[in-house]
């Protein structure tokens, strides 16, 4: 009889194996529909979004199971820093005059 820890580890391994199989199936599907997506930008965009969502979901599941956080690189332009109006230049100028 397996201990609780062994059962948890077996369940985690089974889940990770399932995720890996899912990724292989997804790659196979992508190969099968590549010709269709080649002729339709809309289809290609929809597929890319669906794949992004599935991959993100599987990544979160894997992180939860393994306890390993995968740091994702964020791309894009950073936003302007937000400051409370209490910290703004008008407030500082008023405080300097008092």
Protein backbone atom coordinates (compact mmCIF):
# COMPACT_ATOMS: atom_id res chain seq x y z
CA UNK A 1 0.00 0.00 0.00
CA UNK A 2 1.34 3.44 -0.97
CA UNK A 3 1.76 6.18 1.58
CA UNK A 4 -0.08 9.45 1.13
CA UNK A 5 3.11 11.15 -0.09
CA UNK A 6 3.67 8.41 -2.67
CA UNK A 7 0.06 8.74 -3.84
CA UNK A 8 0.45 12.50 -4.21
CA UNK A 9 3.68 12.07 -6.17
CA UNK A 10 2.08 9.44 -8.42
CA UNK A 11 -0.86 11.78 -9.05
CA UNK A 12 1.49 14.65 -9.90
CA UNK A 13 3.48 12.47 -12.29
CA UNK A 14 0.27 11.30 -13.97
CA UNK A 15 -0.93 14.90 -14.36
CA UNK A 16 2.39 16.08 -15.79
CA UNK A 17 2.38 13.11 -18.17
CA UNK A 18 -1.12 14.07 -19.24
CA UNK A 19 -0.04 17.67 -19.86
CA UNK A 20 2.91 16.45 -21.94
CA UNK A 21 0.58 14.23 -24.00
CA UNK A 22 -1.74 17.19 -24.46
CA UNK A 23 1.14 19.31 -25.75
CA UNK A 24 2.05 16.56 -28.23
CA UNK A 25 -1.55 16.35 -29.42
CA UNK A 26 -1.65 20.12 -29.79
CA UNK A 27 1.52 20.04 -31.89
CA UNK A 28 -0.05 17.36 -34.09
CA UNK A 29 -3.21 19.43 -34.53
CA UNK A 30 -1.14 22.47 -35.46
CA UNK A 31 0.68 20.47 -38.10
CA UNK A 32 -2.62 19.23 -39.54
CA UNK A 33 -4.21 22.66 -39.84
CA UNK A 34 -1.15 24.66 -40.89
CA UNK A 35 -2.29 24.62 -44.51
CA UNK A 36 -5.70 26.06 -43.60
CA UNK A 37 -4.22 28.79 -41.43
CA UNK A 38 -1.85 29.72 -44.24
CA UNK A 39 -4.83 30.91 -46.27
CA UNK A 40 -6.72 32.71 -43.52
CA UNK A 41 -5.25 35.35 -41.21
CA UNK A 42 -8.35 35.24 -39.00
CA UNK A 43 -8.03 31.48 -38.51
CA UNK A 44 -4.33 31.83 -37.75
CA UNK A 45 -5.00 34.55 -35.14
CA UNK A 46 -7.79 32.53 -33.50
CA UNK A 47 -5.59 29.45 -33.38
CA UNK A 48 -2.71 31.42 -31.91
CA UNK A 49 -4.96 32.83 -29.18
CA UNK A 50 -6.43 29.41 -28.37
CA UNK A 51 -2.96 27.91 -28.17
CA UNK A 52 -1.78 30.75 -25.94
CA UNK A 53 -4.69 30.16 -23.54
CA UNK A 54 -4.19 26.39 -23.46
CA UNK A 55 -0.45 26.73 -22.92
CA UNK A 56 -0.95 29.26 -20.12
CA UNK A 57 -3.48 26.97 -18.44
CA UNK A 58 -1.17 23.98 -18.69
CA UNK A 59 1.76 26.03 -17.42
CA UNK A 60 -0.19 27.11 -14.33
CA UNK A 61 -1.23 23.52 -13.67
CA UNK A 62 2.37 22.36 -13.98
CA UNK A 63 3.58 25.11 -11.64
CA UNK A 64 0.94 24.15 -9.09
CA UNK A 65 1.90 20.47 -9.25
CA UNK A 66 5.66 20.91 -9.17
CA UNK A 67 5.87 23.97 -6.95
CA UNK A 68 8.31 25.47 -9.45
CA UNK A 69 7.45 28.97 -10.62
CA UNK A 70 8.34 29.69 -14.21
CA UNK A 71 9.26 33.34 -14.58
CA UNK A 72 7.73 34.68 -17.74
CA UNK A 73 9.37 37.47 -19.68
CA UNK A 74 6.94 40.31 -20.27
CA UNK A 75 7.27 42.23 -23.50
CA UNK A 76 5.96 45.67 -24.31
CA UNK A 77 6.37 49.19 -23.05
CA UNK A 78 6.15 49.88 -19.34
CA UNK A 79 3.44 52.23 -18.12
CA UNK A 80 4.12 55.60 -16.57
CA UNK A 81 4.62 55.37 -12.80
CA UNK A 82 1.50 56.14 -10.82
CA UNK A 83 1.89 58.56 -7.97
CA UNK A 84 -0.67 59.66 -5.48
CA UNK A 85 -1.67 63.30 -5.82
CA UNK A 86 -0.32 63.71 -2.27
CA UNK A 87 3.14 63.01 -3.71
CA UNK A 88 2.86 65.24 -6.76
CA UNK A 89 4.96 68.34 -7.51
CA UNK A 90 2.12 70.69 -6.53
CA UNK A 91 1.98 69.18 -3.05
CA UNK A 92 5.77 69.35 -2.62
CA UNK A 93 5.88 73.00 -3.78
CA UNK A 94 3.13 73.89 -1.28
CA UNK A 95 4.98 72.08 1.52
CA UNK A 96 8.22 73.94 0.74
CA UNK A 97 6.49 77.34 1.07
CA UNK A 98 5.18 76.54 4.56
